[in-house]
Amino acid sequence: MTRQKKRFIAGAVCPKCEAMDTLMLFIENDIEQVECVSCKHRFSEPKQQGGGSEREFDQVIGVFKPE
């Protein structure tokens, strides 16, 4: 069994108990999970919700395509 890396999210507030700095992030079954160590509330967010550009090559001058 491999050990999971768990990281705390600084400044985050639990949506259930509203405690600050109690949320930890870890990966379970290739899905990012967030759990509150205070009230044990657990949730995950879909990968589509992440930030970033919707365009494929935003601010790229050229794309190298080897042949």
PDB file of N, CA and C in Angstrom:
ATOM      1  N   MET A   1       0.854  -1.186   0.000  1.00  0.00           N
ATOM      2  CA  MET A   1       0.000   0.000   0.000  1.00  0.00           C
ATOM      3  C   MET A   1       0.897   1.245   0.000  1.00  0.00           C
ATOM      4  N   THR A   2       0.614   2.167  -0.898  1.00  0.00           N
ATOM      5  CA  THR A   2       1.409   3.381  -0.974  1.00  0.00           C
ATOM      6  C   THR A   2       0.810   4.467  -0.094  1.00  0.00           C
ATOM      7  N   ARG A   3       1.665   5.323   0.370  1.00  0.00           N
ATOM      8  CA  ARG A   3       1.242   6.408   1.240  1.00  0.00           C
ATOM      9  C   ARG A   3       0.743   7.572   0.412  1.00  0.00           C
ATOM     10  N   GLN A   4      -0.395   8.143   0.775  1.00  0.00           N
ATOM     11  CA  GLN A   4      -0.961   9.284   0.057  1.00  0.00           C
ATOM     12  C   GLN A   4      -0.374  10.575   0.591  1.00  0.00           C
ATOM     13  N   LYS A   5      -0.123  11.518  -0.316  1.00  0.00           N
ATOM     14  CA  LYS A   5       0.284  12.849   0.109  1.00  0.00           C
ATOM     15  C   LYS A   5      -0.983  13.656   0.371  1.00  0.00           C
ATOM     16  N   LYS A   6      -1.055  14.231   1.538  1.00  0.00           N
ATOM     17  CA  LYS A   6      -2.189  15.082   1.902  1.00  0.00           C
ATOM     18  C   LYS A   6      -1.658  16.482   2.155  1.00  0.00           C
ATOM     19  N   ARG A   7      -2.285  17.460   1.527  1.00  0.00           N
ATOM     20  CA  ARG A   7      -1.830  18.850   1.670  1.00  0.00           C
ATOM     21  C   ARG A   7      -2.977  19.698   2.204  1.00  0.00           C
ATOM     22  N   PHE A   8      -2.664  20.587   3.105  1.00  0.00           N
ATOM     23  CA  PHE A   8      -3.667  21.511   3.613  1.00  0.00           C
ATOM     24  C   PHE A   8      -3.795  22.704   2.671  1.00  0.00           C
ATOM     25  N   ILE A   9      -5.001  23.239   2.570  1.00  0.00           N
ATOM     26  CA  ILE A   9      -5.283  24.374   1.704  1.00  0.00           C
ATOM     27  C   ILE A   9      -5.341  25.616   2.591  1.00  0.00           C
ATOM     28  N   ALA A  10      -4.310  26.447   2.514  1.00  0.00           N
ATOM     29  CA  ALA A  10      -4.206  27.625   3.377  1.00  0.00           C
ATOM     30  C   ALA A  10      -5.309  28.635   3.077  1.00  0.00           C
ATOM     31  N   GLY A  11      -5.960  29.096   4.111  1.00  0.00           N
ATOM     32  CA  GLY A  11      -6.981  30.136   3.977  1.00  0.00           C
ATOM     33  C   GLY A  11      -8.334  29.642   3.519  1.00  0.00           C
ATOM     34  N   ALA A  12      -8.477  28.353   3.274  1.00  0.00           N
ATOM     35  CA  ALA A  12      -9.758  27.809   2.805  1.00  0.00           C
ATOM     36  C   ALA A  12     -10.721  27.620   3.978  1.00  0.00           C
ATOM     37  N   VAL A  13     -12.000  27.788   3.689  1.00  0.00           N
ATOM     38  CA  VAL A  13     -13.041  27.656   4.709  1.00  0.00           C
ATOM     39  C   VAL A  13     -13.939  26.477   4.343  1.00  0.00           C
ATOM     40  N   CYS A  14     -14.238  25.619   5.306  1.00  0.00           N
ATOM     41  CA  CYS A  14     -15.110  24.469   5.087  1.00  0.00           C
ATOM     42  C   CYS A  14     -16.524  24.955   4.777  1.00  0.00           C
ATOM     43  N   PRO A  15     -17.149  24.448   3.711  1.00  0.00           N
ATOM     44  CA  PRO A  15     -18.502  24.887   3.375  1.00  0.00           C
ATOM     45  C   PRO A  15     -19.562  24.394   4.368  1.00  0.00           C
ATOM     46  N   LYS A  16     -19.239  23.387   5.179  1.00  0.00           N
ATOM     47  CA  LYS A  16     -20.219  22.849   6.127  1.00  0.00           C
ATOM     48  C   LYS A  16     -20.095  23.488   7.509  1.00  0.00           C
ATOM     49  N   CYS A  17     -18.899  23.391   8.123  1.00  0.00           N
ATOM     50  CA  CYS A  17     -18.729  23.899   9.494  1.00  0.00           C
ATOM     51  C   CYS A  17     -18.113  25.295   9.533  1.00  0.00           C
ATOM     52  N   GLU A  18     -17.679  25.814   8.395  1.00  0.00           N
ATOM     53  CA  GLU A  18     -17.104  27.150   8.245  1.00  0.00           C
ATOM     54  C   GLU A  18     -15.811  27.362   9.045  1.00  0.00           C
ATOM     55  N   ALA A  19     -15.105  26.270   9.353  1.00  0.00           N
ATOM     56  CA  ALA A  19     -13.810  26.386  10.023  1.00  0.00           C
ATOM     57  C   ALA A  19     -12.740  26.729   8.992  1.00  0.00           C
ATOM     58  N   MET A  20     -11.810  27.601   9.381  1.00  0.00           N
ATOM     59  CA  MET A  20     -10.752  28.003   8.454  1.00  0.00           C
ATOM     60  C   MET A  20      -9.503  27.153   8.664  1.00  0.00           C
ATOM     61  N   ASP A  21      -8.785  26.902   7.562  1.00  0.00           N
ATOM     62  CA  ASP A  21      -7.523  26.155   7.574  1.00  0.00           C
ATOM     63  C   ASP A  21      -7.678  24.716   8.063  1.00  0.00           C
ATOM     64  N   THR A  22      -8.810  24.078   7.772  1.00  0.00           N
ATOM     65  CA  THR A  22      -9.005  22.689   8.172  1.00  0.00           C
ATOM     66  C   THR A  22      -9.196  21.766   6.969  1.00  0.00           C
ATOM     67  N   LEU A  23      -9.113  22.301   5.740  1.00  0.00           N
ATOM     68  CA  LEU A  23      -9.330  21.487   4.550  1.00  0.00           C
ATOM     69  C   LEU A  23      -8.021  20.901   4.050  1.00  0.00           C
ATOM     70  N   MET A  24      -8.031  19.598   3.771  1.00  0.00           N
ATOM     71  CA  MET A  24      -6.856  18.958   3.194  1.00  0.00           C
ATOM     72  C   MET A  24      -7.236  18.350   1.848  1.00  0.00           C
ATOM     73  N   LEU A  25      -6.286  18.388   0.942  1.00  0.00           N
ATOM     74  CA  LEU A  25      -6.473  17.908  -0.425  1.00  0.00           C
ATOM     75  C   LEU A  25      -5.650  16.647  -0.613  1.00  0.00           C
ATOM     76  N   PHE A  26      -6.254  15.617  -1.219  1.00  0.00           N
ATOM     77  CA  PHE A  26      -5.538  14.392  -1.529  1.00  0.00           C
ATOM     78  C   PHE A  26      -6.187  13.739  -2.743  1.00  0.00           C
ATOM     79  N   ILE A  27      -5.485  12.787  -3.353  1.00  0.00           N
ATOM     80  CA  ILE A  27      -5.992  12.100  -4.541  1.00  0.00           C
ATOM     81  C   ILE A  27      -6.398  10.689  -4.153  1.00  0.00           C
ATOM     82  N   GLU A  28      -7.635  10.329  -4.531  1.00  0.00           N
ATOM     83  CA  GLU A  28      -8.157   8.991  -4.259  1.00  0.00           C
ATOM     84  C   GLU A  28      -8.816   8.479  -5.533  1.00  0.00           C
ATOM     85  N   ASN A  29      -8.356   7.347  -6.029  1.00  0.00           N
ATOM     86  CA  ASN A  29      -8.868   6.783  -7.288  1.00  0.00           C
ATOM     87  C   ASN A  29      -8.771   7.778  -8.436  1.00  0.00           C
ATOM     88  N   ASP A  30      -7.656   8.477  -8.530  1.00  0.00           N
ATOM     89  CA  ASP A  30      -7.387   9.472  -9.582  1.00  0.00           C
ATOM     90  C   ASP A  30      -8.358  10.650  -9.569  1.00  0.00           C
ATOM     91  N   ILE A  31      -8.989  10.915  -8.425  1.00  0.00           N
ATOM     92  CA  ILE A  31      -9.904  12.055  -8.269  1.00  0.00           C
ATOM     93  C   ILE A  31      -9.426  12.881  -7.085  1.00  0.00           C
ATOM     94  N   GLU A  32      -9.311  14.208  -7.285  1.00  0.00           N
ATOM     95  CA  GLU A  32      -8.912  15.073  -6.177  1.00  0.00           C
ATOM     96  C   GLU A  32     -10.066  15.177  -5.179  1.00  0.00           C
ATOM     97  N   GLN A  33      -9.779  14.871  -3.940  1.00  0.00           N
ATOM     98  CA  GLN A  33     -10.762  14.924  -2.868  1.00  0.00           C
ATOM     99  C   GLN A  33     -10.343  15.996  -1.872  1.00  0.00           C
ATOM    100  N   VAL A  34     -11.325  16.630  -1.250  1.00  0.00           N
ATOM    101  CA  VAL A  34     -11.074  17.610  -0.197  1.00  0.00           C
ATOM    102  C   VAL A  34     -11.855  17.152   1.028  1.00  0.00           C
ATOM    103  N   GLU A  35     -11.172  17.139   2.182  1.00  0.00           N
ATOM    104  CA  GLU A  35     -11.832  16.717   3.418  1.00  0.00           C
ATOM    105  C   GLU A  35     -11.505  17.692   4.536  1.00  0.00           C
ATOM    106  N   CYS A  36     -12.503  18.010   5.341  1.00  0.00           N
ATOM    107  CA  CYS A  36     -12.319  18.860   6.508  1.00  0.00           C
ATOM    108  C   CYS A  36     -11.911  17.973   7.683  1.00  0.00           C
ATOM    109  N   VAL A  37     -10.782  18.293   8.306  1.00  0.00           N
ATOM    110  CA  VAL A  37     -10.320  17.483   9.432  1.00  0.00           C
ATOM    111  C   VAL A  37     -11.121  17.780  10.698  1.00  0.00           C
ATOM    112  N   SER A  38     -11.892  18.849  10.682  1.00  0.00           N
ATOM    113  CA  SER A  38     -12.697  19.222  11.840  1.00  0.00           C
ATOM    114  C   SER A  38     -14.031  18.468  11.876  1.00  0.00           C
ATOM    115  N   CYS A  39     -14.798  18.540  10.779  1.00  0.00           N
ATOM    116  CA  CYS A  39     -16.133  17.929  10.766  1.00  0.00           C
ATOM    117  C   CYS A  39     -16.236  16.711   9.850  1.00  0.00           C
ATOM    118  N   LYS A  40     -15.137  16.346   9.168  1.00  0.00           N
ATOM    119  CA  LYS A  40     -15.062  15.189   8.265  1.00  0.00           C
ATOM    120  C   LYS A  40     -15.907  15.339   7.000  1.00  0.00           C
ATOM    121  N   HIS A  41     -16.371  16.558   6.707  1.00  0.00           N
ATOM    122  CA  HIS A  41     -17.100  16.801   5.456  1.00  0.00           C
ATOM    123  C   HIS A  41     -16.149  16.558   4.300  1.00  0.00           C
ATOM    124  N   ARG A  42     -16.629  15.862   3.256  1.00  0.00           N
ATOM    125  CA  ARG A  42     -15.782  15.486   2.127  1.00  0.00           C
ATOM    126  C   ARG A  42     -16.466  15.859   0.814  1.00  0.00           C
ATOM    127  N   PHE A  43     -15.682  16.370  -0.123  1.00  0.00           N
ATOM    128  CA  PHE A  43     -16.233  16.679  -1.442  1.00  0.00           C
ATOM    129  C   PHE A  43     -15.127  16.662  -2.485  1.00  0.00           C
ATOM    130  N   SER A  44     -15.533  16.629  -3.734  1.00  0.00           N
ATOM    131  CA  SER A  44     -14.582  16.696  -4.843  1.00  0.00           C
ATOM    132  C   SER A  44     -15.173  17.617  -5.892  1.00  0.00           C
ATOM    133  N   GLU A  45     -14.294  18.189  -6.704  1.00  0.00           N
ATOM    134  CA  GLU A  45     -14.739  19.093  -7.753  1.00  0.00           C
ATOM    135  C   GLU A  45     -14.338  18.516  -9.097  1.00  0.00           C
ATOM    136  N   PRO A  46     -15.231  18.622 -10.085  1.00  0.00           N
ATOM    137  CA  PRO A  46     -14.898  18.093 -11.409  1.00  0.00           C
ATOM    138  C   PRO A  46     -13.704  18.806 -12.012  1.00  0.00           C
ATOM    139  N   LYS A  47     -12.918  18.106 -12.822  1.00  0.00           N
ATOM    140  CA  LYS A  47     -11.730  18.697 -13.426  1.00  0.00           C
ATOM    141  C   LYS A  47     -12.089  19.803 -14.413  1.00  0.00           C
ATOM    142  N   GLN A  48     -13.288  19.787 -14.990  1.00  0.00           N
ATOM    143  CA  GLN A  48     -13.684  20.810 -15.948  1.00  0.00           C
ATOM    144  C   GLN A  48     -13.778  22.179 -15.298  1.00  0.00           C
ATOM    145  N   GLN A  49     -13.892  22.248 -13.979  1.00  0.00           N
ATOM    146  CA  GLN A  49     -14.106  23.511 -13.303  1.00  0.00           C
ATOM    147  C   GLN A  49     -12.819  24.309 -13.107  1.00  0.00           C
ATOM    148  N   GLY A  50     -11.689  23.707 -13.372  1.00  0.00           N
ATOM    149  CA  GLY A  50     -10.407  24.370 -13.152  1.00  0.00           C
ATOM    150  C   GLY A  50     -10.258  25.618 -13.998  1.00  0.00           C
ATOM    151  N   GLY A  51      -9.357  26.486 -13.567  1.00  0.00           N
ATOM    152  CA  GLY A  51      -9.129  27.714 -14.310  1.00  0.00           C
ATOM    153  C   GLY A  51      -8.308  27.443 -15.553  1.00  0.00           C
ATOM    154  N   GLY A  52      -8.002  28.486 -16.242  1.00  0.00           N
ATOM    155  CA  GLY A  52      -7.183  28.324 -17.429  1.00  0.00           C
ATOM    156  C   GLY A  52      -7.903  28.802 -18.670  1.00  0.00           C
ATOM    157  N   SER A  53      -7.200  28.753 -19.745  1.00  0.00           N
ATOM    158  CA  SER A  53      -7.719  29.251 -21.001  1.00  0.00           C
ATOM    159  C   SER A  53      -8.564  28.199 -21.699  1.00  0.00           C
ATOM    160  N   GLU A  54      -9.613  28.627 -22.346  1.00  0.00           N
ATOM    161  CA  GLU A  54     -10.435  27.714 -23.120  1.00  0.00           C
ATOM    162  C   GLU A  54      -9.887  27.553 -24.531  1.00  0.00           C
ATOM    163  N   ARG A  55      -9.034  28.482 -24.956  1.00  0.00           N
ATOM    164  CA  ARG A  55      -8.435  28.377 -26.277  1.00  0.00           C
ATOM    165  C   ARG A  55      -7.251  27.439 -26.214  1.00  0.00           C
ATOM    166  N   GLU A  56      -7.016  26.713 -27.302  1.00  0.00           N
ATOM    167  CA  GLU A  56      -5.969  25.698 -27.303  1.00  0.00           C
ATOM    168  C   GLU A  56      -4.571  26.293 -27.217  1.00  0.00           C
ATOM    169  N   PHE A  57      -4.291  27.361 -27.967  1.00  0.00           N
ATOM    170  CA  PHE A  57      -2.949  27.932 -27.998  1.00  0.00           C
ATOM    171  C   PHE A  57      -3.013  29.414 -27.642  1.00  0.00           C
ATOM    172  N   ASP A  58      -3.412  29.725 -26.430  1.00  0.00           N
ATOM    173  CA  ASP A  58      -3.537  31.106 -25.979  1.00  0.00           C
ATOM    174  C   ASP A  58      -2.151  31.728 -25.823  1.00  0.00           C
ATOM    175  N   GLN A  59      -1.894  32.830 -26.486  1.00  0.00           N
ATOM    176  CA  GLN A  59      -0.651  33.594 -26.419  1.00  0.00           C
ATOM    177  C   GLN A  59       0.571  32.788 -26.860  1.00  0.00           C
ATOM    178  N   VAL A  60       0.395  31.918 -27.836  1.00  0.00           N
ATOM    179  CA  VAL A  60       1.504  31.149 -28.380  1.00  0.00           C
ATOM    180  C   VAL A  60       1.811  31.683 -29.764  1.00  0.00           C
ATOM    181  N   ILE A  61       3.072  31.975 -30.021  1.00  0.00           N
ATOM    182  CA  ILE A  61       3.465  32.523 -31.316  1.00  0.00           C
ATOM    183  C   ILE A  61       3.421  31.446 -32.390  1.00  0.00           C
ATOM    184  N   GLY A  62       3.937  30.271 -32.101  1.00  0.00           N
ATOM    185  CA  GLY A  62       3.946  29.196 -33.067  1.00  0.00           C
ATOM    186  C   GLY A  62       3.928  27.857 -32.361  1.00  0.00           C
ATOM    187  N   VAL A  63       3.499  26.829 -33.095  1.00  0.00           N
ATOM    188  CA  VAL A  63       3.439  25.484 -32.540  1.00  0.00           C
ATOM    189  C   VAL A  63       4.350  24.599 -33.368  1.00  0.00           C
ATOM    190  N   PHE A  64       5.304  23.936 -32.728  1.00  0.00           N
ATOM    191  CA  PHE A  64       6.243  23.060 -33.418  1.00  0.00           C
ATOM    192  C   PHE A  64       5.613  21.694 -33.601  1.00  0.00           C
ATOM    193  N   LYS A  65       5.518  21.244 -34.843  1.00  0.00           N
ATOM    194  CA  LYS A  65       4.969  19.907 -35.152  1.00  0.00           C
ATOM    195  C   LYS A  65       6.042  19.111 -35.875  1.00  0.00           C
ATOM    196  N   PRO A  66       6.761  18.224 -35.161  1.00  0.00           N
ATOM    197  CA  PRO A  66       7.799  17.438 -35.816  1.00  0.00           C
ATOM    198  C   PRO A  66       7.191  16.436 -36.795  1.00  0.00           C
ATOM    199  N   GLU A  67       7.929  16.176 -37.874  1.00  0.00           N
ATOM    200  CA  GLU A  67       7.433  15.238 -38.883  1.00  0.00           C
ATOM    201  C   GLU A  67       8.165  13.920 -38.828  1.00  0.00           C
TER     202      GLU A  67
END
